[in-house]
Amino acid sequence: MRYVAAYLLAALGGKTSPSAGDIKSILKSVGIDADDERVKKVIGELGGKDLDDVVNSGLAKLSSVPSGGAAAAAPASTPAAGGAAPAEKKEEEKKEESEESDDDMGFGLFD
């Protein structure tokens, strides 16, 4: 991904077709040693293509990827028959509490 990002940065910087040297210099500026094979792969895949078309085709593909947010929320919004809903709620509360205590590991953001 970083190689593609470097290619896109070079293109945004005014290079109509970024070279391997352009990509390597961008990666080197942030402390990344570039792999020649990966640089060649990126240039081979993106070279000669209109980047706006590449990005737009990627966005069209992303719109069909399920994110799981709607599917996960549906069971929680419809309570189960009987008394199962309160038990599920307690279980979720316990899970949230344990996750919160592990997340900060005793350190606050501004301590």
PDB file of N, CA and C in Angstrom:
ATOM      1  N   MET A   1       0.819  -1.185   0.000  1.00  0.00           N
ATOM      2  CA  MET A   1       0.000   0.000   0.000  1.00  0.00           C
ATOM      3  C   MET A   1       0.866   1.253   0.000  1.00  0.00           C
ATOM      4  N   ARG A   2       1.994   1.187   0.706  1.00  0.00           N
ATOM      5  CA  ARG A   2       2.845   2.372   0.772  1.00  0.00           C
ATOM      6  C   ARG A   2       3.459   2.706  -0.575  1.00  0.00           C
ATOM      7  N   TYR A   3       3.656   1.707  -1.407  1.00  0.00           N
ATOM      8  CA  TYR A   3       4.213   1.946  -2.743  1.00  0.00           C
ATOM      9  C   TYR A   3       3.184   2.654  -3.629  1.00  0.00           C
ATOM     10  N   VAL A   4       1.940   2.224  -3.501  1.00  0.00           N
ATOM     11  CA  VAL A   4       0.869   2.879  -4.259  1.00  0.00           C
ATOM     12  C   VAL A   4       0.697   4.310  -3.769  1.00  0.00           C
ATOM     13  N   ALA A   5       0.761   4.499  -2.459  1.00  0.00           N
ATOM     14  CA  ALA A   5       0.631   5.847  -1.899  1.00  0.00           C
ATOM     15  C   ALA A   5       1.766   6.750  -2.392  1.00  0.00           C
ATOM     16  N   ALA A   6       2.974   6.215  -2.457  1.00  0.00           N
ATOM     17  CA  ALA A   6       4.107   7.004  -2.948  1.00  0.00           C
ATOM     18  C   ALA A   6       3.909   7.347  -4.421  1.00  0.00           C
ATOM     19  N   TYR A   7       3.391   6.401  -5.198  1.00  0.00           N
ATOM     20  CA  TYR A   7       3.114   6.662  -6.615  1.00  0.00           C
ATOM     21  C   TYR A   7       2.084   7.776  -6.752  1.00  0.00           C
ATOM     22  N   LEU A   8       1.027   7.695  -5.959  1.00  0.00           N
ATOM     23  CA  LEU A   8      -0.024   8.713  -6.011  1.00  0.00           C
ATOM     24  C   LEU A   8       0.488  10.079  -5.561  1.00  0.00           C
ATOM     25  N   LEU A   9       1.349  10.099  -4.550  1.00  0.00           N
ATOM     26  CA  LEU A   9       1.928  11.370  -4.113  1.00  0.00           C
ATOM     27  C   LEU A   9       2.782  11.991  -5.211  1.00  0.00           C
ATOM     28  N   ALA A  10       3.552  11.158  -5.895  1.00  0.00           N
ATOM     29  CA  ALA A  10       4.370  11.673  -6.990  1.00  0.00           C
ATOM     30  C   ALA A  10       3.479  12.216  -8.105  1.00  0.00           C
ATOM     31  N   ALA A  11       2.380  11.518  -8.382  1.00  0.00           N
ATOM     32  CA  ALA A  11       1.453  11.976  -9.417  1.00  0.00           C
ATOM     33  C   ALA A  11       0.782  13.282  -9.000  1.00  0.00           C
ATOM     34  N   LEU A  12       0.420  13.399  -7.740  1.00  0.00           N
ATOM     35  CA  LEU A  12      -0.180  14.640  -7.248  1.00  0.00           C
ATOM     36  C   LEU A  12       0.825  15.785  -7.257  1.00  0.00           C
ATOM     37  N   GLY A  13       2.100  15.438  -7.155  1.00  0.00           N
ATOM     38  CA  GLY A  13       3.148  16.443  -7.179  1.00  0.00           C
ATOM     39  C   GLY A  13       3.472  16.958  -8.575  1.00  0.00           C
ATOM     40  N   GLY A  14       2.802  16.421  -9.583  1.00  0.00           N
ATOM     41  CA  GLY A  14       2.987  16.935 -10.933  1.00  0.00           C
ATOM     42  C   GLY A  14       3.635  15.972 -11.905  1.00  0.00           C
ATOM     43  N   LYS A  15       4.056  14.815 -11.467  1.00  0.00           N
ATOM     44  CA  LYS A  15       4.659  13.834 -12.365  1.00  0.00           C
ATOM     45  C   LYS A  15       3.549  13.118 -13.121  1.00  0.00           C
ATOM     46  N   THR A  16       3.579  13.190 -14.433  1.00  0.00           N
ATOM     47  CA  THR A  16       2.532  12.515 -15.217  1.00  0.00           C
ATOM     48  C   THR A  16       2.711  11.011 -15.197  1.00  0.00           C
ATOM     49  N   SER A  17       3.955  10.541 -15.179  1.00  0.00           N
ATOM     50  CA  SER A  17       4.194   9.114 -15.009  1.00  0.00           C
ATOM     51  C   SER A  17       5.413   8.953 -14.099  1.00  0.00           C
ATOM     52  N   PRO A  18       5.167   8.781 -12.794  1.00  0.00           N
ATOM     53  CA  PRO A  18       6.254   8.692 -11.818  1.00  0.00           C
ATOM     54  C   PRO A  18       7.199   7.528 -12.123  1.00  0.00           C
ATOM     55  N   SER A  19       8.475   7.749 -11.889  1.00  0.00           N
ATOM     56  CA  SER A  19       9.479   6.722 -12.122  1.00  0.00           C
ATOM     57  C   SER A  19       9.795   5.980 -10.831  1.00  0.00           C
ATOM     58  N   ALA A  20      10.604   4.935 -10.958  1.00  0.00           N
ATOM     59  CA  ALA A  20      11.024   4.171  -9.787  1.00  0.00           C
ATOM     60  C   ALA A  20      11.807   5.063  -8.827  1.00  0.00           C
ATOM     61  N   GLY A  21      12.617   5.945  -9.382  1.00  0.00           N
ATOM     62  CA  GLY A  21      13.376   6.869  -8.539  1.00  0.00           C
ATOM     63  C   GLY A  21      12.483   7.807  -7.744  1.00  0.00           C
ATOM     64  N   ASP A  22      11.394   8.249  -8.359  1.00  0.00           N
ATOM     65  CA  ASP A  22      10.439   9.121  -7.656  1.00  0.00           C
ATOM     66  C   ASP A  22       9.828   8.395  -6.465  1.00  0.00           C
ATOM     67  N   ILE A  23       9.409   7.157  -6.691  1.00  0.00           N
ATOM     68  CA  ILE A  23       8.782   6.368  -5.622  1.00  0.00           C
ATOM     69  C   ILE A  23       9.791   6.092  -4.515  1.00  0.00           C
ATOM     70  N   LYS A  24      10.998   5.706  -4.892  1.00  0.00           N
ATOM     71  CA  LYS A  24      12.022   5.394  -3.895  1.00  0.00           C
ATOM     72  C   LYS A  24      12.388   6.620  -3.068  1.00  0.00           C
ATOM     73  N   SER A  25      12.470   7.782  -3.702  1.00  0.00           N
ATOM     74  CA  SER A  25      12.826   8.988  -2.948  1.00  0.00           C
ATOM     75  C   SER A  25      11.730   9.385  -1.971  1.00  0.00           C
ATOM     76  N   ILE A  26      10.482   9.190  -2.359  1.00  0.00           N
ATOM     77  CA  ILE A  26       9.379   9.495  -1.437  1.00  0.00           C
ATOM     78  C   ILE A  26       9.404   8.537  -0.256  1.00  0.00           C
ATOM     79  N   LEU A  27       9.592   7.256  -0.535  1.00  0.00           N
ATOM     80  CA  LEU A  27       9.637   6.273   0.552  1.00  0.00           C
ATOM     81  C   LEU A  27      10.849   6.498   1.451  1.00  0.00           C
ATOM     82  N   LYS A  28      11.982   6.841   0.855  1.00  0.00           N
ATOM     83  CA  LYS A  28      13.202   7.081   1.641  1.00  0.00           C
ATOM     84  C   LYS A  28      13.028   8.289   2.548  1.00  0.00           C
ATOM     85  N   SER A  29      12.244   9.276   2.115  1.00  0.00           N
ATOM     86  CA  SER A  29      12.049  10.483   2.916  1.00  0.00           C
ATOM     87  C   SER A  29      11.320  10.206   4.227  1.00  0.00           C
ATOM     88  N   VAL A  30      10.611   9.078   4.297  1.00  0.00           N
ATOM     89  CA  VAL A  30       9.920   8.708   5.531  1.00  0.00           C
ATOM     90  C   VAL A  30      10.561   7.488   6.197  1.00  0.00           C
ATOM     91  N   GLY A  31      11.775   7.134   5.746  1.00  0.00           N
ATOM     92  CA  GLY A  31      12.531   6.075   6.402  1.00  0.00           C
ATOM     93  C   GLY A  31      12.197   4.668   5.966  1.00  0.00           C
ATOM     94  N   ILE A  32      11.679   4.492   4.756  1.00  0.00           N
ATOM     95  CA  ILE A  32      11.325   3.162   4.262  1.00  0.00           C
ATOM     96  C   ILE A  32      12.286   2.785   3.142  1.00  0.00           C
ATOM     97  N   ASP A  33      12.908   1.612   3.272  1.00  0.00           N
ATOM     98  CA  ASP A  33      13.753   1.095   2.202  1.00  0.00           C
ATOM     99  C   ASP A  33      12.856   0.422   1.171  1.00  0.00           C
ATOM    100  N   ALA A  34      12.924   0.888  -0.057  1.00  0.00           N
ATOM    101  CA  ALA A  34      12.040   0.404  -1.113  1.00  0.00           C
ATOM    102  C   ALA A  34      12.541  -0.916  -1.691  1.00  0.00           C
ATOM    103  N   ASP A  35      11.603  -1.819  -1.946  1.00  0.00           N
ATOM    104  CA  ASP A  35      11.880  -3.090  -2.587  1.00  0.00           C
ATOM    105  C   ASP A  35      11.697  -2.895  -4.096  1.00  0.00           C
ATOM    106  N   ASP A  36      12.741  -3.199  -4.870  1.00  0.00           N
ATOM    107  CA  ASP A  36      12.703  -2.960  -6.318  1.00  0.00           C
ATOM    108  C   ASP A  36      11.568  -3.706  -7.014  1.00  0.00           C
ATOM    109  N   GLU A  37      11.293  -4.923  -6.580  1.00  0.00           N
ATOM    110  CA  GLU A  37      10.225  -5.710  -7.220  1.00  0.00           C
ATOM    111  C   GLU A  37       8.858  -5.057  -7.018  1.00  0.00           C
ATOM    112  N   ARG A  38       8.627  -4.592  -5.828  1.00  0.00           N
ATOM    113  CA  ARG A  38       7.335  -3.958  -5.546  1.00  0.00           C
ATOM    114  C   ARG A  38       7.182  -2.643  -6.299  1.00  0.00           C
ATOM    115  N   VAL A  39       8.277  -1.893  -6.396  1.00  0.00           N
ATOM    116  CA  VAL A  39       8.239  -0.633  -7.139  1.00  0.00           C
ATOM    117  C   VAL A  39       7.921  -0.912  -8.603  1.00  0.00           C
ATOM    118  N   LYS A  40       8.580  -1.911  -9.169  1.00  0.00           N
ATOM    119  CA  LYS A  40       8.326  -2.274 -10.566  1.00  0.00           C
ATOM    120  C   LYS A  40       6.883  -2.744 -10.761  1.00  0.00           C
ATOM    121  N   LYS A  41       6.360  -3.485  -9.803  1.00  0.00           N
ATOM    122  CA  LYS A  41       4.978  -3.979  -9.878  1.00  0.00           C
ATOM    123  C   LYS A  41       3.991  -2.811  -9.907  1.00  0.00           C
ATOM    124  N   VAL A  42       4.191  -1.846  -9.030  1.00  0.00           N
ATOM    125  CA  VAL A  42       3.294  -0.684  -8.970  1.00  0.00           C
ATOM    126  C   VAL A  42       3.371   0.115 -10.264  1.00  0.00           C
ATOM    127  N   ILE A  43       4.571   0.343 -10.738  1.00  0.00           N
ATOM    128  CA  ILE A  43       4.737   1.101 -11.981  1.00  0.00           C
ATOM    129  C   ILE A  43       4.124   0.331 -13.147  1.00  0.00           C
ATOM    130  N   GLY A  44       4.303  -0.981 -13.160  1.00  0.00           N
ATOM    131  CA  GLY A  44       3.722  -1.798 -14.222  1.00  0.00           C
ATOM    132  C   GLY A  44       2.205  -1.792 -14.215  1.00  0.00           C
ATOM    133  N   GLU A  45       1.617  -1.788 -13.028  1.00  0.00           N
ATOM    134  CA  GLU A  45       0.150  -1.814 -12.909  1.00  0.00           C
ATOM    135  C   GLU A  45      -0.474  -0.443 -13.174  1.00  0.00           C
ATOM    136  N   LEU A  46       0.164   0.611 -12.703  1.00  0.00           N
ATOM    137  CA  LEU A  46      -0.431   1.942 -12.799  1.00  0.00           C
ATOM    138  C   LEU A  46       0.113   2.789 -13.942  1.00  0.00           C
ATOM    139  N   GLY A  47       1.229   2.399 -14.501  1.00  0.00           N
ATOM    140  CA  GLY A  47       1.851   3.183 -15.562  1.00  0.00           C
ATOM    141  C   GLY A  47       0.950   3.305 -16.787  1.00  0.00           C
ATOM    142  N   GLY A  48       0.792   4.521 -17.275  1.00  0.00           N
ATOM    143  CA  GLY A  48      -0.004   4.760 -18.470  1.00  0.00           C
ATOM    144  C   GLY A  48      -1.504   4.820 -18.244  1.00  0.00           C
ATOM    145  N   LYS A  49      -1.946   4.653 -17.010  1.00  0.00           N
ATOM    146  CA  LYS A  49      -3.378   4.703 -16.718  1.00  0.00           C
ATOM    147  C   LYS A  49      -3.733   6.065 -16.134  1.00  0.00           C
ATOM    148  N   ASP A  50      -4.962   6.468 -16.385  1.00  0.00           N
ATOM    149  CA  ASP A  50      -5.474   7.704 -15.788  1.00  0.00           C
ATOM    150  C   ASP A  50      -5.840   7.400 -14.335  1.00  0.00           C
ATOM    151  N   LEU A  51      -5.198   8.074 -13.392  1.00  0.00           N
ATOM    152  CA  LEU A  51      -5.408   7.771 -11.981  1.00  0.00           C
ATOM    153  C   LEU A  51      -6.828   8.063 -11.519  1.00  0.00           C
ATOM    154  N   ASP A  52      -7.480   9.047 -12.111  1.00  0.00           N
ATOM    155  CA  ASP A  52      -8.873   9.318 -11.751  1.00  0.00           C
ATOM    156  C   ASP A  52      -9.759   8.117 -12.093  1.00  0.00           C
ATOM    157  N   ASP A  53      -9.516   7.506 -13.240  1.00  0.00           N
ATOM    158  CA  ASP A  53     -10.291   6.324 -13.624  1.00  0.00           C
ATOM    159  C   ASP A  53     -10.009   5.154 -12.692  1.00  0.00           C
ATOM    160  N   VAL A  54      -8.744   4.984 -12.298  1.00  0.00           N
ATOM    161  CA  VAL A  54      -8.375   3.889 -11.393  1.00  0.00           C
ATOM    162  C   VAL A  54      -9.062   4.061 -10.044  1.00  0.00           C
ATOM    163  N   VAL A  55      -9.030   5.286  -9.509  1.00  0.00           N
ATOM    164  CA  VAL A  55      -9.655   5.555  -8.207  1.00  0.00           C
ATOM    165  C   VAL A  55     -11.168   5.374  -8.291  1.00  0.00           C
ATOM    166  N   ASN A  56     -11.788   5.874  -9.343  1.00  0.00           N
ATOM    167  CA  ASN A  56     -13.241   5.745  -9.491  1.00  0.00           C
ATOM    168  C   ASN A  56     -13.673   4.294  -9.646  1.00  0.00           C
ATOM    169  N   SER A  57     -12.899   3.486 -10.338  1.00  0.00           N
ATOM    170  CA  SER A  57     -13.260   2.065 -10.456  1.00  0.00           C
ATOM    171  C   SER A  57     -13.106   1.368  -9.112  1.00  0.00           C
ATOM    172  N   GLY A  58     -12.134   1.806  -8.317  1.00  0.00           N
ATOM    173  CA  GLY A  58     -11.978   1.244  -6.976  1.00  0.00           C
ATOM    174  C   GLY A  58     -13.123   1.625  -6.058  1.00  0.00           C
ATOM    175  N   LEU A  59     -13.595   2.852  -6.185  1.00  0.00           N
ATOM    176  CA  LEU A  59     -14.732   3.288  -5.365  1.00  0.00           C
ATOM    177  C   LEU A  59     -15.992   2.501  -5.706  1.00  0.00           C
ATOM    178  N   ALA A  60     -16.175   2.206  -6.985  1.00  0.00           N
ATOM    179  CA  ALA A  60     -17.338   1.418  -7.391  1.00  0.00           C
ATOM    180  C   ALA A  60     -17.265   0.018  -6.790  1.00  0.00           C
ATOM    181  N   LYS A  61     -16.072  -0.547  -6.715  1.00  0.00           N
ATOM    182  CA  LYS A  61     -15.907  -1.876  -6.111  1.00  0.00           C
ATOM    183  C   LYS A  61     -16.135  -1.826  -4.606  1.00  0.00           C
ATOM    184  N   LEU A  62     -15.703  -0.754  -3.953  1.00  0.00           N
ATOM    185  CA  LEU A  62     -15.882  -0.630  -2.510  1.00  0.00           C
ATOM    186  C   LEU A  62     -17.347  -0.524  -2.109  1.00  0.00           C
ATOM    187  N   SER A  63     -18.175   0.036  -2.975  1.00  0.00           N
ATOM    188  CA  SER A  63     -19.587   0.188  -2.628  1.00  0.00           C
ATOM    189  C   SER A  63     -20.289  -1.157  -2.508  1.00  0.00           C
ATOM    190  N   SER A  64     -19.736  -2.191  -3.108  1.00  0.00           N
ATOM    191  CA  SER A  64     -20.372  -3.505  -3.037  1.00  0.00           C
ATOM    192  C   SER A  64     -19.829  -4.365  -1.900  1.00  0.00           C
ATOM    193  N   VAL A  65     -18.855  -3.867  -1.140  1.00  0.00           N
ATOM    194  CA  VAL A  65     -18.272  -4.626  -0.040  1.00  0.00           C
ATOM    195  C   VAL A  65     -19.152  -4.463   1.195  1.00  0.00           C
ATOM    196  N   PRO A  66     -19.600  -5.571   1.792  1.00  0.00           N
ATOM    197  CA  PRO A  66     -20.417  -5.448   3.003  1.00  0.00           C
ATOM    198  C   PRO A  66     -19.556  -5.013   4.179  1.00  0.00           C
ATOM    199  N   SER A  67     -20.074  -4.088   4.962  1.00  0.00           N
ATOM    200  CA  SER A  67     -19.308  -3.593   6.103  1.00  0.00           C
ATOM    201  C   SER A  67     -19.667  -4.308   7.395  1.00  0.00           C
ATOM    202  N   GLY A  68     -20.796  -4.992   7.442  1.00  0.00           N
ATOM    203  CA  GLY A  68     -21.185  -5.759   8.616  1.00  0.00           C
ATOM    204  C   GLY A  68     -21.898  -4.941   9.674  1.00  0.00           C
ATOM    205  N   GLY A  69     -21.941  -3.650   9.547  1.00  0.00           N
ATOM    206  CA  GLY A  69     -22.583  -2.813  10.555  1.00  0.00           C
ATOM    207  C   GLY A  69     -24.073  -3.034  10.636  1.00  0.00           C
ATOM    208  N   ALA A  70     -24.747  -3.115   9.521  1.00  0.00           N
ATOM    209  CA  ALA A  70     -26.196  -3.291   9.522  1.00  0.00           C
ATOM    210  C   ALA A  70     -26.582  -4.686   9.971  1.00  0.00           C
ATOM    211  N   ALA A  71     -25.830  -5.672   9.570  1.00  0.00           N
ATOM    212  CA  ALA A  71     -26.144  -7.056   9.928  1.00  0.00           C
ATOM    213  C   ALA A  71     -25.937  -7.288  11.418  1.00  0.00           C
ATOM    214  N   ALA A  72     -24.925  -6.682  11.993  1.00  0.00           N
ATOM    215  CA  ALA A  72     -24.651  -6.869  13.413  1.00  0.00           C
ATOM    216  C   ALA A  72     -25.678  -6.149  14.271  1.00  0.00           C
ATOM    217  N   ALA A  73     -26.213  -5.041  13.799  1.00  0.00           N
ATOM    218  CA  ALA A  73     -27.167  -4.272  14.583  1.00  0.00           C
ATOM    219  C   ALA A  73     -28.567  -4.886  14.542  1.00  0.00           C
ATOM    220  N   ALA A  74     -28.899  -5.619  13.511  1.00  0.00           N
ATOM    221  CA  ALA A  74     -30.240  -6.163  13.366  1.00  0.00           C
ATOM    222  C   ALA A  74     -30.629  -7.118  14.485  1.00  0.00           C
ATOM    223  N   PRO A  75     -29.825  -8.093  14.886  1.00  0.00           N
ATOM    224  CA  PRO A  75     -30.231  -8.985  15.956  1.00  0.00           C
ATOM    225  C   PRO A  75     -30.388  -8.270  17.294  1.00  0.00           C
ATOM    226  N   ALA A  76     -29.603  -7.265  17.566  1.00  0.00           N
ATOM    227  CA  ALA A  76     -29.697  -6.566  18.842  1.00  0.00           C
ATOM    228  C   ALA A  76     -30.971  -5.735  18.926  1.00  0.00           C
ATOM    229  N   SER A  77     -31.476  -5.264  17.796  1.00  0.00           N
ATOM    230  CA  SER A  77     -32.663  -4.425  17.826  1.00  0.00           C
ATOM    231  C   SER A  77     -33.942  -5.236  17.906  1.00  0.00           C
ATOM    232  N   THR A  78     -33.903  -6.503  17.579  1.00  0.00           N
ATOM    233  CA  THR A  78     -35.085  -7.360  17.674  1.00  0.00           C
ATOM    234  C   THR A  78     -34.902  -8.308  18.839  1.00  0.00           C
ATOM    235  N   PRO A  79     -35.646  -8.105  19.934  1.00  0.00           N
ATOM    236  CA  PRO A  79     -35.481  -8.976  21.095  1.00  0.00           C
ATOM    237  C   PRO A  79     -35.966 -10.385  20.814  1.00  0.00           C
ATOM    238  N   ALA A  80     -35.309 -11.349  21.414  1.00  0.00           N
ATOM    239  CA  ALA A  80     -35.675 -12.755  21.232  1.00  0.00           C
ATOM    240  C   ALA A  80     -36.919 -13.069  22.052  1.00  0.00           C
ATOM    241  N   ALA A  81     -37.553 -14.148  21.749  1.00  0.00           N
ATOM    242  CA  ALA A  81     -38.771 -14.558  22.464  1.00  0.00           C
ATOM    243  C   ALA A  81     -38.410 -14.944  23.891  1.00  0.00           C
ATOM    244  N   GLY A  82     -39.283 -14.640  24.821  1.00  0.00           N
ATOM    245  CA  GLY A  82     -39.055 -15.012  26.213  1.00  0.00           C
ATOM    246  C   GLY A  82     -38.180 -14.010  26.919  1.00  0.00           C
ATOM    247  N   GLY A  83     -37.374 -14.487  27.855  1.00  0.00           N
ATOM    248  CA  GLY A  83     -36.531 -13.604  28.652  1.00  0.00           C
ATOM    249  C   GLY A  83     -35.088 -13.586  28.197  1.00  0.00           C
ATOM    250  N   ALA A  84     -34.800 -13.896  26.976  1.00  0.00           N
ATOM    251  CA  ALA A  84     -33.415 -13.976  26.511  1.00  0.00           C
ATOM    252  C   ALA A  84     -32.789 -12.607  26.312  1.00  0.00           C
ATOM    253  N   ALA A  85     -33.586 -11.598  26.037  1.00  0.00           N
ATOM    254  CA  ALA A  85     -33.034 -10.276  25.751  1.00  0.00           C
ATOM    255  C   ALA A  85     -32.277  -9.683  26.940  1.00  0.00           C
ATOM    256  N   PRO A  86     -32.802  -9.725  28.186  1.00  0.00           N
ATOM    257  CA  PRO A  86     -32.038  -9.170  29.304  1.00  0.00           C
ATOM    258  C   PRO A  86     -30.718  -9.898  29.537  1.00  0.00           C
ATOM    259  N   ALA A  87     -30.682 -11.207  29.335  1.00  0.00           N
ATOM    260  CA  ALA A  87     -29.441 -11.956  29.524  1.00  0.00           C
ATOM    261  C   ALA A  87     -28.395 -11.515  28.505  1.00  0.00           C
ATOM    262  N   GLU A  88     -28.820 -11.279  27.284  1.00  0.00           N
ATOM    263  CA  GLU A  88     -27.890 -10.825  26.263  1.00  0.00           C
ATOM    264  C   GLU A  88     -27.338  -9.445  26.611  1.00  0.00           C
ATOM    265  N   LYS A  89     -28.205  -8.586  27.149  1.00  0.00           N
ATOM    266  CA  LYS A  89     -27.790  -7.238  27.499  1.00  0.00           C
ATOM    267  C   LYS A  89     -26.732  -7.272  28.600  1.00  0.00           C
ATOM    268  N   LYS A  90     -26.933  -8.121  29.621  1.00  0.00           N
ATOM    269  CA  LYS A  90     -25.962  -8.223  30.703  1.00  0.00           C
ATOM    270  C   LYS A  90     -24.624  -8.738  30.188  1.00  0.00           C
ATOM    271  N   GLU A  91     -24.679  -9.703  29.290  1.00  0.00           N
ATOM    272  CA  GLU A  91     -23.455 -10.267  28.732  1.00  0.00           C
ATOM    273  C   GLU A  91     -22.682  -9.207  27.945  1.00  0.00           C
ATOM    274  N   GLU A  92     -23.406  -8.383  27.184  1.00  0.00           N
ATOM    275  CA  GLU A  92     -22.755  -7.326  26.417  1.00  0.00           C
ATOM    276  C   GLU A  92     -22.140  -6.283  27.346  1.00  0.00           C
ATOM    277  N   GLU A  93     -22.836  -5.957  28.445  1.00  0.00           N
ATOM    278  CA  GLU A  93     -22.312  -4.973  29.385  1.00  0.00           C
ATOM    279  C   GLU A  93     -21.024  -5.466  30.017  1.00  0.00           C
ATOM    280  N   LYS A  94     -20.969  -6.744  30.396  1.00  0.00           N
ATOM    281  CA  LYS A  94     -19.761  -7.298  30.992  1.00  0.00           C
ATOM    282  C   LYS A  94     -18.614  -7.268  29.992  1.00  0.00           C
ATOM    283  N   LYS A  95     -18.908  -7.578  28.754  1.00  0.00           N
ATOM    284  CA  LYS A  95     -17.881  -7.590  27.718  1.00  0.00           C
ATOM    285  C   LYS A  95     -17.325  -6.184  27.506  1.00  0.00           C
ATOM    286  N   GLU A  96     -18.200  -5.184  27.477  1.00  0.00           N
ATOM    287  CA  GLU A  96     -17.760  -3.808  27.281  1.00  0.00           C
ATOM    288  C   GLU A  96     -16.881  -3.342  28.429  1.00  0.00           C
ATOM    289  N   GLU A  97     -17.231  -3.704  29.665  1.00  0.00           N
ATOM    290  CA  GLU A  97     -16.443  -3.295  30.814  1.00  0.00           C
ATOM    291  C   GLU A  97     -15.034  -3.863  30.747  1.00  0.00           C
ATOM    292  N   SER A  98     -14.905  -5.145  30.395  1.00  0.00           N
ATOM    293  CA  SER A  98     -13.590  -5.760  30.346  1.00  0.00           C
ATOM    294  C   SER A  98     -12.753  -5.171  29.223  1.00  0.00           C
ATOM    295  N   GLU A  99     -13.370  -4.832  28.102  1.00  0.00           N
ATOM    296  CA  GLU A  99     -12.630  -4.233  27.001  1.00  0.00           C
ATOM    297  C   GLU A  99     -12.130  -2.846  27.374  1.00  0.00           C
ATOM    298  N   GLU A 100     -12.954  -2.079  28.082  1.00  0.00           N
ATOM    299  CA  GLU A 100     -12.558  -0.730  28.456  1.00  0.00           C
ATOM    300  C   GLU A 100     -11.363  -0.753  29.400  1.00  0.00           C
ATOM    301  N   SER A 101     -11.343  -1.682  30.346  1.00  0.00           N
ATOM    302  CA  SER A 101     -10.241  -1.721  31.291  1.00  0.00           C
ATOM    303  C   SER A 101      -8.953  -2.160  30.619  1.00  0.00           C
ATOM    304  N   ASP A 102      -9.041  -2.954  29.573  1.00  0.00           N
ATOM    305  CA  ASP A 102      -7.836  -3.422  28.871  1.00  0.00           C
ATOM    306  C   ASP A 102      -7.324  -2.377  27.878  1.00  0.00           C
ATOM    307  N   ASP A 103      -8.208  -1.531  27.370  1.00  0.00           N
ATOM    308  CA  ASP A 103      -7.809  -0.602  26.324  1.00  0.00           C
ATOM    309  C   ASP A 103      -6.768   0.403  26.794  1.00  0.00           C
ATOM    310  N   ASP A 104      -6.989   1.022  27.978  1.00  0.00           N
ATOM    311  CA  ASP A 104      -6.067   2.073  28.382  1.00  0.00           C
ATOM    312  C   ASP A 104      -4.924   1.553  29.241  1.00  0.00           C
ATOM    313  N   MET A 105      -5.000   0.348  29.728  1.00  0.00           N
ATOM    314  CA  MET A 105      -3.953  -0.306  30.515  1.00  0.00           C
ATOM    315  C   MET A 105      -3.507   0.565  31.685  1.00  0.00           C
ATOM    316  N   GLY A 106      -4.433   1.340  32.238  1.00  0.00           N
ATOM    317  CA  GLY A 106      -4.119   2.145  33.399  1.00  0.00           C
ATOM    318  C   GLY A 106      -3.551   3.514  33.068  1.00  0.00           C
ATOM    319  N   PHE A 107      -3.393   3.824  31.816  1.00  0.00           N
ATOM    320  CA  PHE A 107      -2.830   5.113  31.427  1.00  0.00           C
ATOM    321  C   PHE A 107      -3.906   5.944  30.748  1.00  0.00           C
ATOM    322  N   GLY A 108      -4.018   7.187  31.135  1.00  0.00           N
ATOM    323  CA  GLY A 108      -4.944   8.095  30.490  1.00  0.00           C
ATOM    324  C   GLY A 108      -4.259   8.815  29.338  1.00  0.00           C
ATOM    325  N   LEU A 109      -5.036   9.392  28.487  1.00  0.00           N
ATOM    326  CA  LEU A 109      -4.498  10.086  27.321  1.00  0.00           C
ATOM    327  C   LEU A 109      -3.687  11.318  27.727  1.00  0.00           C
ATOM    328  N   PHE A 110      -4.118  12.019  28.764  1.00  0.00           N
ATOM    329  CA  PHE A 110      -3.458  13.257  29.138  1.00  0.00           C
ATOM    330  C   PHE A 110      -2.727  13.157  30.482  1.00  0.00           C
ATOM    331  N   ASP A 111      -2.400  11.961  30.935  1.00  0.00           N
ATOM    332  CA  ASP A 111      -1.679  11.796  32.212  1.00  0.00           C
ATOM    333  C   ASP A 111      -0.220  12.117  32.064  1.00  0.00           C
TER     334      ASP A 111
END
